[in-house]
Protein backbone atom coordinates (compact mmCIF):
# COMPACT_ATOMS: atom_id res chain seq x y z
CA MET A 1 31.81 -45.18 -4.89
CA ALA A 2 28.83 -43.17 -4.69
CA LYS A 3 27.76 -42.11 -0.97
CA LYS A 4 25.08 -44.07 0.40
CA LYS A 5 22.01 -41.81 1.52
CA SER A 6 22.82 -42.39 5.10
CA ASP A 7 26.56 -41.04 4.55
CA ALA A 8 25.00 -37.59 3.48
CA PRO A 9 25.72 -34.81 5.96
CA GLN A 10 22.71 -34.50 8.31
CA HIS A 11 20.74 -31.29 7.85
CA ASN A 12 20.23 -29.18 11.02
CA PRO A 13 17.17 -26.83 10.85
CA VAL A 14 17.80 -23.19 11.61
CA VAL A 15 14.46 -21.68 11.49
CA ASN A 16 12.22 -22.51 14.46
CA GLU A 17 8.54 -22.45 15.03
CA THR A 18 8.45 -18.62 16.03
CA SER A 19 10.59 -17.90 12.87
CA ILE A 20 8.16 -19.53 10.71
CA ALA A 21 5.09 -17.79 12.32
CA PHE A 22 6.71 -14.60 11.46
CA PHE A 23 7.66 -15.60 7.95
CA GLU A 24 3.96 -16.61 7.13
CA LYS A 25 2.63 -13.44 8.32
CA TYR A 26 5.29 -11.46 6.75
CA ILE A 27 4.73 -13.27 3.18
CA ASN A 28 0.72 -12.83 3.56
CA ASN A 29 1.11 -9.19 4.25
CA PRO A 30 0.90 -7.19 1.01
CA SER A 31 4.17 -4.95 0.16
CA PRO A 32 3.98 -3.80 -3.56
CA THR A 33 6.69 -1.73 -4.79
CA GLY A 34 6.45 1.82 -3.73
CA PHE A 35 4.01 0.80 -0.87
CA GLU A 36 6.03 -1.25 1.45
CA TRP A 37 5.75 0.34 4.81
CA LYS A 38 3.27 -2.31 6.24
CA GLY A 39 5.76 -4.93 5.72
CA GLN A 40 8.64 -2.92 6.76
CA GLU A 41 6.88 -2.37 10.25
CA LEU A 42 6.38 -6.10 10.55
CA TRP A 43 9.97 -6.67 9.66
CA LEU A 44 11.30 -4.18 12.14
CA GLU A 45 9.09 -5.54 14.82
CA TYR A 46 10.53 -9.10 14.53
CA LEU A 47 14.24 -7.50 14.22
CA LYS A 48 14.36 -5.15 16.94
CA PRO A 49 15.10 -7.64 19.77
CA TYR A 50 18.40 -8.65 17.86
CA ILE A 51 19.85 -5.23 17.03
CA ASP A 52 21.18 -2.05 18.74
CA THR A 53 19.34 0.43 16.76
CA HIS A 54 17.56 1.07 13.37
CA TYR A 55 16.28 3.82 10.90
CA VAL A 56 14.03 3.99 7.92
CA ASP A 57 14.67 6.34 4.96
CA ASN A 58 12.37 8.59 3.23
CA TYR A 59 11.24 5.87 0.68
CA GLY A 60 10.81 3.14 3.27
CA THR A 61 14.03 1.08 3.24
CA ALA A 62 14.78 -0.33 6.71
CA VAL A 63 17.97 -0.56 8.47
CA GLY A 64 18.81 -2.52 11.67
CA ILE A 65 22.18 -1.96 13.00
CA ILE A 66 24.54 -3.82 15.24
CA ASN A 67 27.53 -1.97 16.55
CA PRO A 68 26.39 1.42 15.09
CA LYS A 69 29.45 3.28 16.32
CA ALA A 70 32.04 1.18 14.39
CA ASP A 71 33.89 2.60 11.73
CA TYR A 72 33.97 -0.43 9.39
CA LYS A 73 30.58 -1.29 7.84
CA VAL A 74 29.22 -4.52 6.59
CA VAL A 75 25.71 -4.79 4.90
CA ILE A 76 23.48 -7.84 4.66
CA GLU A 77 20.87 -6.83 2.30
CA ALA A 78 17.63 -8.20 0.83
CA HIS A 79 14.66 -6.25 -0.84
CA ALA A 80 11.28 -5.98 0.57
CA ASP A 81 8.90 -5.15 -2.39
CA GLU A 82 6.79 -7.61 -4.42
CA ILE A 83 5.37 -7.14 -7.80
CA SER A 84 1.97 -5.81 -8.44
CA TRP A 85 -0.39 -3.91 -10.71
CA PHE A 86 -1.71 -0.26 -10.80
CA VAL A 87 -5.25 0.69 -11.91
CA ASN A 88 -4.68 2.52 -15.18
CA TYR A 89 -8.09 3.01 -16.81
CA ILE A 90 -11.85 2.60 -15.53
CA THR A 91 -14.28 1.88 -18.41
CA ASN A 92 -17.98 3.36 -18.53
CA ASP A 93 -19.11 -0.21 -17.75
CA GLY A 94 -17.12 -0.37 -14.52
CA LEU A 95 -14.23 -2.59 -15.65
CA ILE A 96 -10.60 -2.00 -14.87
CA TYR A 97 -7.57 -1.98 -16.90
CA VAL A 98 -4.02 -2.24 -15.37
CA ILE A 99 -0.53 -1.58 -15.99
CA ARG A 100 2.49 -3.35 -14.24
CA ASN A 101 4.17 -2.28 -11.05
CA GLY A 102 7.36 -4.32 -11.48
CA GLY A 103 7.66 -7.35 -13.57
CA SER A 104 4.24 -8.68 -13.16
CA ASP A 105 3.27 -11.65 -15.42
CA HIS A 106 0.24 -10.99 -17.54
CA GLN A 107 -0.14 -14.55 -18.70
CA ILE A 108 -1.01 -15.97 -15.05
CA ALA A 109 -3.57 -12.97 -14.59
CA PRO A 110 -6.87 -14.48 -16.01
CA SER A 111 -9.15 -15.84 -13.22
CA LYS A 112 -6.93 -14.60 -10.34
CA ARG A 113 -8.49 -13.03 -7.27
CA VAL A 114 -6.87 -9.65 -6.26
CA ASN A 115 -6.89 -7.06 -3.51
CA ILE A 116 -7.27 -3.47 -4.72
CA HIS A 117 -5.76 -1.14 -2.06
CA THR A 118 -7.74 2.07 -1.53
CA ASP A 119 -7.67 4.72 1.08
CA ASN A 120 -11.02 3.10 2.43
CA GLY A 121 -9.31 -0.28 2.55
CA VAL A 122 -9.10 -3.41 0.33
CA VAL A 123 -11.70 -3.89 -2.45
CA LYS A 124 -11.91 -7.39 -3.72
CA ALA A 125 -11.82 -7.97 -7.54
CA VAL A 126 -11.08 -10.77 -10.12
CA PHE A 127 -9.16 -10.81 -13.39
CA GLY A 128 -11.84 -11.89 -15.72
CA TRP A 129 -11.53 -14.12 -18.88
CA PRO A 130 -14.00 -15.17 -21.55
CA ALA A 131 -15.24 -18.72 -21.03
CA ILE A 132 -13.77 -21.34 -23.15
CA HIS A 133 -17.16 -22.01 -24.86
CA THR A 134 -17.12 -18.34 -26.38
CA ARG A 135 -13.57 -18.68 -27.88
CA LEU A 136 -14.43 -20.03 -31.38
CA ALA A 137 -13.02 -23.38 -32.21
CA GLY A 138 -10.62 -23.41 -35.16
CA ASP A 139 -9.67 -19.73 -34.64
CA LYS A 140 -6.27 -18.83 -33.11
CA GLU A 141 -7.16 -18.15 -29.44
CA GLU A 142 -6.05 -14.72 -28.23
CA ALA A 143 -3.45 -14.89 -25.60
CA PRO A 144 -3.61 -12.76 -22.42
CA THR A 145 -1.82 -9.35 -22.89
CA LEU A 146 -1.45 -6.23 -21.17
CA LYS A 147 -4.04 -5.04 -23.58
CA ASN A 148 -6.81 -7.41 -22.85
CA ILE A 149 -6.52 -8.46 -19.17
CA PHE A 150 -9.02 -6.58 -17.05
CA LEU A 151 -10.36 -6.46 -13.48
CA ASP A 152 -14.01 -6.89 -12.54
CA CYS A 153 -15.01 -5.75 -9.05
CA GLY A 154 -18.79 -6.39 -9.43
CA CYS A 155 -19.60 -2.99 -10.69
CA THR A 156 -21.57 -1.87 -13.62
CA SER A 157 -20.35 1.78 -14.07
CA LYS A 158 -17.40 3.90 -13.66
CA GLU A 159 -19.11 5.83 -11.08
CA GLU A 160 -19.94 2.96 -8.83
CA VAL A 161 -16.17 1.85 -9.17
CA GLU A 162 -15.13 5.15 -7.97
CA LYS A 163 -17.62 5.13 -4.97
CA LEU A 164 -15.75 2.03 -3.57
CA GLY A 165 -12.57 4.31 -3.45
CA ILE A 166 -10.99 2.99 -6.51
CA HIS A 167 -8.99 5.39 -8.72
CA VAL A 168 -6.32 5.62 -11.31
CA GLY A 169 -3.11 4.73 -9.35
CA CYS A 170 -4.39 2.45 -6.90
CA VAL A 171 -2.12 -0.63 -6.24
CA ILE A 172 -3.32 -4.16 -6.64
CA THR A 173 -1.93 -7.37 -5.28
CA TYR A 174 -2.85 -11.10 -5.50
CA GLU A 175 -4.75 -12.65 -2.61
CA ASP A 176 -2.65 -15.93 -2.58
CA GLU A 177 -1.01 -16.85 0.72
CA PHE A 178 1.92 -18.92 2.34
CA MET A 179 1.60 -22.59 2.62
CA VAL A 180 4.02 -25.57 3.27
CA LEU A 181 4.05 -28.19 0.47
CA ASN A 182 4.89 -31.73 1.19
CA ASP A 183 6.81 -30.62 4.32
CA ARG A 184 9.54 -29.57 1.91
CA TYR A 185 8.81 -26.34 0.16
CA TYR A 186 7.49 -22.94 1.25
CA VAL A 187 4.96 -21.77 -1.33
CA GLY A 188 3.46 -18.31 -1.76
CA ARG A 189 3.60 -14.95 -3.62
CA ALA A 190 6.46 -12.51 -2.97
CA LEU A 191 8.83 -15.13 -1.74
CA ASP A 192 10.89 -13.00 -4.23
CA ASN A 193 12.28 -11.51 -2.17
CA ARG A 194 10.73 -11.23 1.26
CA ALA A 195 12.33 -14.73 1.85
CA GLY A 196 15.50 -12.71 1.70
CA GLY A 197 14.20 -10.13 4.26
CA PHE A 198 13.35 -13.18 6.61
CA MET A 199 16.70 -14.77 5.98
CA ILE A 200 18.66 -11.75 7.02
CA ALA A 201 16.63 -11.35 10.04
CA GLU A 202 17.39 -14.98 11.12
CA VAL A 203 21.20 -14.22 10.72
CA ALA A 204 20.54 -11.26 13.17
CA ARG A 205 18.75 -13.65 15.57
CA LEU A 206 21.57 -16.21 15.33
CA LEU A 207 24.08 -13.51 16.23
CA LYS A 208 22.30 -12.51 19.18
CA GLU A 209 21.43 -16.10 20.50
CA ASN A 210 24.98 -17.20 20.03
CA ASN A 211 26.38 -13.96 21.71
CA VAL A 212 28.60 -13.20 18.90
CA LYS A 213 30.48 -9.92 19.28
CA LEU A 214 31.29 -8.66 15.73
CA PRO A 215 34.31 -6.49 15.20
CA PHE A 216 32.51 -4.12 12.59
CA GLY A 217 29.13 -2.49 12.34
CA LEU A 218 26.60 -4.82 10.76
CA TYR A 219 23.75 -3.09 8.73
CA ILE A 220 20.69 -5.43 8.10
CA VAL A 221 19.05 -3.80 5.32
CA ASN A 222 15.59 -4.54 3.84
CA ALA A 223 15.34 -2.17 0.69
CA VAL A 224 12.47 -0.98 -1.19
CA GLN A 225 11.83 -0.73 -4.98
CA GLU A 226 14.08 -3.37 -6.16
CA GLU A 227 11.50 -4.63 -8.55
CA ILE A 228 11.62 -1.37 -10.71
CA GLY A 229 15.32 -0.96 -10.93
CA LEU A 230 17.21 -1.54 -7.65
CA ARG A 231 16.18 2.00 -6.59
CA GLY A 232 16.00 1.55 -2.93
CA ALA A 233 19.41 -0.04 -2.58
CA GLU A 234 20.66 2.67 -4.92
CA MET A 235 19.49 5.36 -2.33
CA ILE A 236 20.45 3.61 1.00
CA ALA A 237 24.11 2.53 -0.34
CA HIS A 238 24.88 6.18 -0.50
CA LYS A 239 23.55 6.76 3.05
CA ILE A 240 25.31 3.76 4.64
CA LYS A 241 28.63 4.15 2.59
CA PRO A 242 29.54 0.39 3.58
CA ASN A 243 32.80 -1.08 3.21
CA VAL A 244 31.46 -4.58 2.36
CA ALA A 245 27.90 -5.77 1.05
CA ILE A 246 26.36 -9.24 1.00
CA VAL A 247 23.09 -9.27 -1.04
CA THR A 248 20.76 -12.19 -0.92
CA ASP A 249 18.08 -12.61 -3.43
CA VAL A 250 16.30 -15.41 -5.36
CA THR A 251 17.51 -17.18 -8.62
CA HIS A 252 15.73 -19.55 -10.93
CA ASP A 253 15.41 -23.60 -10.11
CA THR A 254 15.99 -24.66 -13.70
CA GLN A 255 14.78 -28.18 -13.22
CA THR A 256 11.14 -27.67 -14.48
CA PRO A 257 9.80 -27.84 -17.98
CA MET A 258 10.39 -25.34 -20.61
CA ILE A 259 13.52 -23.90 -19.12
CA ASN A 260 16.76 -24.13 -21.35
CA LYS A 261 19.80 -25.05 -19.03
CA ILE A 262 22.22 -24.01 -21.77
CA THR A 263 21.22 -20.40 -21.32
CA GLN A 264 19.79 -20.47 -17.71
CA GLY A 265 22.29 -22.68 -15.90
CA ASP A 266 21.76 -25.86 -13.92
CA LEU A 267 20.39 -24.99 -10.49
CA ALA A 268 18.10 -26.91 -8.42
CA CYS A 269 16.04 -26.26 -5.02
CA GLY A 270 17.31 -28.36 -2.36
CA LYS A 271 21.01 -28.37 -3.30
CA GLY A 272 22.05 -25.21 -1.49
CA PRO A 273 22.55 -21.56 -1.82
CA VAL A 274 23.92 -20.10 -5.17
CA VAL A 275 27.03 -17.98 -5.34
CA SER A 276 27.38 -16.01 -8.36
CA TYR A 277 30.10 -14.91 -10.91
CA ALA A 278 29.52 -11.47 -12.47
CA PRO A 279 31.46 -8.30 -13.03
CA ALA A 280 29.59 -6.61 -10.02
CA VAL A 281 30.74 -9.52 -7.62
CA GLN A 282 34.11 -8.81 -5.94
CA ASN A 283 36.11 -12.12 -6.54
CA ASN A 284 37.93 -12.06 -3.02
CA LEU A 285 34.75 -11.55 -1.08
CA ASN A 286 33.16 -14.19 -3.21
CA LYS A 287 36.18 -16.43 -2.37
CA LEU A 288 35.46 -15.77 1.32
CA LEU A 289 32.06 -16.84 0.85
CA ILE A 290 32.94 -20.03 -0.74
CA GLU A 291 35.61 -20.83 1.87
CA SER A 292 33.09 -20.29 4.58
CA ALA A 293 30.70 -22.74 2.98
CA GLN A 294 33.30 -25.33 2.52
CA LYS A 295 34.50 -24.88 5.99
CA ALA A 296 31.12 -25.12 7.55
CA GLY A 297 29.96 -28.01 5.30
CA ILE A 298 27.23 -25.71 3.70
CA PRO A 299 26.44 -27.16 0.13
CA PHE A 300 26.37 -24.57 -2.45
CA GLN A 301 25.67 -24.04 -6.43
CA ARG A 302 27.57 -21.75 -8.71
CA GLN A 303 25.97 -19.30 -11.33
CA ALA A 304 27.39 -17.02 -13.96
CA SER A 305 25.66 -13.63 -14.90
CA SER A 306 26.69 -11.82 -18.09
CA ARG A 307 26.60 -8.28 -17.68
CA SER A 308 24.70 -7.79 -14.43
CA THR A 309 23.19 -9.60 -11.68
CA GLY A 310 19.84 -7.94 -11.89
CA THR A 311 19.96 -7.75 -8.10
CA ASP A 312 20.68 -4.99 -5.45
CA THR A 313 24.41 -6.43 -5.66
CA ASP A 314 24.80 -4.03 -8.73
CA ALA A 315 23.47 -1.08 -6.84
CA PHE A 316 25.95 -1.51 -3.91
CA ALA A 317 28.90 -2.51 -5.86
CA TYR A 318 28.82 0.64 -8.14
CA SER A 319 28.12 2.92 -5.21
CA ASN A 320 30.45 5.23 -3.21
CA ASP A 321 33.51 4.83 -5.62
CA GLY A 322 33.04 0.93 -5.38
CA VAL A 323 31.92 -1.44 -2.58
CA PRO A 324 33.26 -5.07 -2.59
CA SER A 325 29.91 -6.71 -2.90
CA ALA A 326 28.77 -10.49 -3.48
CA LEU A 327 25.55 -12.29 -3.97
CA ILE A 328 24.01 -15.46 -2.37
CA SER A 329 20.91 -16.56 -4.09
CA LEU A 330 18.09 -18.74 -3.05
CA PRO A 331 17.04 -21.27 -5.69
CA LEU A 332 13.38 -20.59 -6.50
CA ARG A 333 10.68 -22.14 -8.84
CA TYR A 334 7.96 -20.20 -10.67
CA MET A 335 9.26 -16.66 -10.14
CA HIS A 336 6.80 -13.92 -10.49
CA THR A 337 3.77 -16.14 -10.04
CA THR A 338 1.60 -16.63 -7.01
CA VAL A 339 3.23 -20.06 -6.29
CA GLU A 340 6.70 -19.46 -5.95
CA MET A 341 8.60 -22.28 -4.34
CA ILE A 342 11.65 -22.43 -2.19
CA HIS A 343 13.28 -25.47 -0.49
CA LYS A 344 13.34 -25.31 3.37
CA GLU A 345 16.76 -26.75 3.65
CA ASP A 346 18.06 -23.91 1.16
CA VAL A 347 16.58 -21.39 3.41
CA ASP A 348 18.35 -22.70 6.35
CA ASN A 349 21.71 -22.96 4.34
CA VAL A 350 21.54 -19.35 3.06
CA ILE A 351 20.98 -18.10 6.63
CA ARG A 352 24.12 -20.41 7.68
CA LEU A 353 26.13 -19.15 4.74
CA ILE A 354 25.66 -15.49 5.59
CA TYR A 355 26.07 -16.18 9.32
CA GLU A 356 29.29 -18.05 8.70
CA SER A 357 30.66 -15.35 6.25
CA LEU A 358 30.31 -12.66 8.63
CA LEU A 359 32.37 -14.70 11.25
CA ASN A 360 35.25 -14.63 8.68
CA ILE A 361 35.32 -10.85 7.98
CA GLN A 362 37.79 -8.91 9.90
CA ALA A 363 37.30 -5.22 10.71
CA GLY A 364 39.32 -3.08 8.24
CA GLN A 365 39.45 -5.98 5.69
CA ASP A 366 41.03 -4.92 2.52
CA PHE A 367 39.63 -6.79 -0.53
CA ARG A 368 41.41 -5.05 -3.13
CA TYR A 369 43.26 -7.45 -5.66
CA ILE A 370 46.40 -5.25 -5.98
CA LYS A 371 47.55 -3.65 -2.75
């Protein structure tokens, strides 16, 4: 017999009003790949009451540490950078062509408002697009591509654009900001993966508020430059030399139109964190995550990856002669758009799963298959 709705486990929120206020501020702050430092400052400001010490590396990866003198080191990690654009070419008429900084989607660009970040501050612009009236009926319409999308900042010459402080290499982000939809979803740009940075900071908060004394050193890592090849994680893994790494990132909710579950899997927002199976995922550590979820009554889903997870898990796993690593993913709709959506209960449950998993890791724990 199916469970009655009233028989379902009651969800207990983890985040509080102060947490959400920080989350909104953190999401709204631009943090494009290679230019993450303002977001990292906000993140560290929130994290500092819950850690013993911290440091930031040369490229901006921020690390908060609990028990820094411990020999056994456990990492919980997310990435801080968001996809964006670079100014690539300024025409004599004052229009601007762009190239990607990360996996920016050219198809969503037309009619979007943007911020061009210059040494003189933000300059507003829009992605222009020909009016529907001017696109000849009967002809095959030209779709947005990297070759034809362009920015208009209201200038009529290259010189006028340059006087605003805009030059080749200026980074561009979308204006869109955080909101809550139907009291159920958090919506915004860059939830991939500043939601992860938020969640690992909340884990640190729970540890502090519950007076948990971990038997190992905990390294709370907010890495840069994931969107262009896991580069920040690659750098920081070699500096920390961890014994264990638990990474959190987003994955695709596959319940909306035009997504093939046969190739993308069957995953849904609101049904819990996603644990992954992949060559980079260490199975004994993954088993610990699953058993932690089951013991704590945390709902979870499963996902298989073919060759790689495409997340910072891969960078940690293959560093330092091999680090037992696992991935906890947050289901997300509309990835790499300005209306990314995540379920409030999934956020709480990812935080809970990381927290419970840490409680089940022992100092010196050996995750090898054959000993």
